[in-house]
Protein backbone atom coordinates (compact mmCIF):
# COMPACT_ATOMS: atom_id res chain seq x y z
CA UNK A 1 4.68 45.04 57.68
CA UNK A 2 2.36 42.51 58.73
CA UNK A 3 4.30 39.79 57.10
CA UNK A 4 7.58 40.95 58.70
CA UNK A 5 6.01 40.81 62.13
CA UNK A 6 4.55 37.41 61.58
CA UNK A 7 8.18 36.45 60.59
CA UNK A 8 9.60 37.69 63.77
CA UNK A 9 6.95 35.94 65.65
CA UNK A 10 7.67 32.62 63.78
CA UNK A 11 4.37 32.53 61.99
CA UNK A 12 4.23 31.46 58.45
CA UNK A 13 3.78 33.44 55.50
CA UNK A 14 1.16 32.55 52.91
CA UNK A 15 0.02 36.32 51.79
CA UNK A 16 -1.93 38.74 53.14
CA UNK A 17 -4.96 36.89 54.29
CA UNK A 18 -2.94 33.79 55.81
CA UNK A 19 -0.86 36.62 57.75
CA UNK A 20 -3.52 38.46 58.93
CA UNK A 21 -5.39 35.44 60.28
CA UNK A 22 -1.99 34.10 61.77
CA UNK A 23 -1.31 37.49 63.60
CA UNK A 24 -4.96 37.73 64.90
CA UNK A 25 -5.40 34.04 66.10
CA UNK A 26 -1.61 34.17 67.75
CA UNK A 27 -2.18 37.34 69.51
CA UNK A 28 -6.21 37.32 70.10
CA UNK A 29 -6.26 40.82 68.45
CA UNK A 30 -7.71 42.56 65.19
CA UNK A 31 -4.94 42.54 62.48
CA UNK A 32 -5.70 45.18 59.79
CA UNK A 33 -3.72 44.92 56.23
CA UNK A 34 -4.23 47.53 53.88
CA UNK A 35 -3.69 46.44 50.16
CA UNK A 36 -3.50 49.88 48.35
CA UNK A 37 -5.94 49.94 45.24
CA UNK A 38 -7.30 46.33 46.31
CA UNK A 39 -8.74 47.72 49.57
CA UNK A 40 -7.98 46.29 52.97
CA UNK A 41 -8.29 43.08 55.10
CA UNK A 42 -9.35 42.73 59.01
CA UNK A 43 -8.86 39.72 60.63
CA UNK A 44 -10.11 38.80 64.35
CA UNK A 45 -10.04 35.62 65.87
CA UNK A 46 -12.41 33.34 63.95
CA UNK A 47 -13.36 36.10 61.25
CA UNK A 48 -11.78 37.44 58.32
CA UNK A 49 -13.46 40.80 56.37
CA UNK A 50 -12.51 41.84 53.00
CA UNK A 51 -13.29 45.73 52.28
CA UNK A 52 -12.75 46.64 48.44
CA UNK A 53 -11.33 50.06 47.80
CA UNK A 54 -13.61 52.53 46.47
CA UNK A 55 -13.57 53.21 42.75
CA UNK A 56 -11.76 56.31 42.05
CA UNK A 57 -9.29 58.02 39.70
CA UNK A 58 -6.60 58.71 42.33
CA UNK A 59 -4.81 62.26 42.20
CA UNK A 60 -2.58 61.73 45.15
CA UNK A 61 -2.23 58.69 47.40
CA UNK A 62 -0.08 60.56 49.87
CA UNK A 63 -2.66 60.64 52.65
CA UNK A 64 -4.55 57.47 52.12
CA UNK A 65 -3.04 55.57 55.08
CA UNK A 66 -3.27 58.21 57.51
CA UNK A 67 -6.81 58.60 56.51
CA UNK A 68 -7.75 55.01 56.95
CA UNK A 69 -6.02 54.30 59.89
CA UNK A 70 -7.53 57.64 61.73
CA UNK A 71 -11.28 56.95 60.31
CA UNK A 72 -10.85 53.18 61.33
CA UNK A 73 -9.74 54.20 64.89
CA UNK A 74 -12.28 56.82 65.28
CA UNK A 75 -15.01 54.39 64.00
CA UNK A 76 -13.74 51.93 66.54
CA UNK A 77 -13.52 54.49 69.39
CA UNK A 78 -17.34 55.55 68.51
CA UNK A 79 -18.40 51.77 69.32
CA UNK A 80 -18.81 50.90 65.64
CA UNK A 81 -18.67 47.39 64.67
CA UNK A 82 -15.52 46.34 62.93
CA UNK A 83 -17.11 45.77 59.46
CA UNK A 84 -18.81 49.32 59.56
CA UNK A 85 -15.61 50.92 60.82
CA UNK A 86 -13.54 49.16 58.11
CA UNK A 87 -15.91 50.29 55.66
CA UNK A 88 -15.99 53.98 56.72
CA UNK A 89 -12.06 53.67 56.75
CA UNK A 90 -12.27 52.62 53.09
CA UNK A 91 -14.36 55.49 52.22
CA UNK A 92 -12.07 58.03 53.90
CA UNK A 93 -8.67 56.63 52.21
CA UNK A 94 -10.57 56.68 48.77
CA UNK A 95 -11.70 60.49 49.44
CA UNK A 96 -8.12 61.28 50.42
CA UNK A 97 -6.79 60.24 47.24
CA UNK A 98 -8.97 62.83 45.38
CA UNK A 99 -6.83 65.79 46.58
CA UNK A 100 -3.15 66.64 46.62
CA UNK A 101 -1.22 66.56 49.86
CA UNK A 102 -1.62 64.89 52.99
CA UNK A 103 -3.14 67.04 55.61
CA UNK A 104 -5.41 69.02 53.09
CA UNK A 105 -6.80 65.52 51.48
CA UNK A 106 -8.25 64.31 54.80
CA UNK A 107 -12.14 64.07 54.65
CA UNK A 108 -14.50 65.25 57.25
CA UNK A 109 -17.08 62.84 58.88
CA UNK A 110 -19.83 64.45 56.73
CA UNK A 111 -17.85 63.82 53.66
CA UNK A 112 -17.34 60.22 54.51
CA UNK A 113 -21.04 60.00 55.42
CA UNK A 114 -21.95 61.56 52.03
CA UNK A 115 -20.11 58.86 50.04
CA UNK A 116 -20.73 55.70 52.23
CA UNK A 117 -22.93 54.56 49.46
CA UNK A 118 -20.03 54.41 46.98
CA UNK A 119 -18.43 51.53 48.90
CA UNK A 120 -20.16 48.30 49.52
CA UNK A 121 -19.71 46.87 53.09
CA UNK A 122 -16.95 44.22 53.64
CA UNK A 123 -17.34 40.81 52.97
CA UNK A 124 -16.95 38.07 55.48
CA UNK A 125 -14.45 35.22 54.32
CA UNK A 126 -14.54 31.57 55.54
């Protein structure tokens, strides 16, 4: 999706990192690209964060994207810095893959708090 938007804006491809950077820089915003089992990227003008995925044996990935997006939005709304919100979102997405269904698999804030140690913080890429 990010590459499609970038293409419509005349921004070159080059993979998820280059695409996220190009969109963030061109629009002056934060661009988040989820990468499934490889985690996620978050680019903001001048910064790129790489969040690995939580090491799990997935049962059902149906609600993972919704969990990631909701937890990220909640974290940012609670004034967390982008790296911490990104980490919480990664934990939420990972936990959502451990149960069947979409709504039934969405983790609580307490479950995310209990599992934060299972996922390292994002790395800042140059």
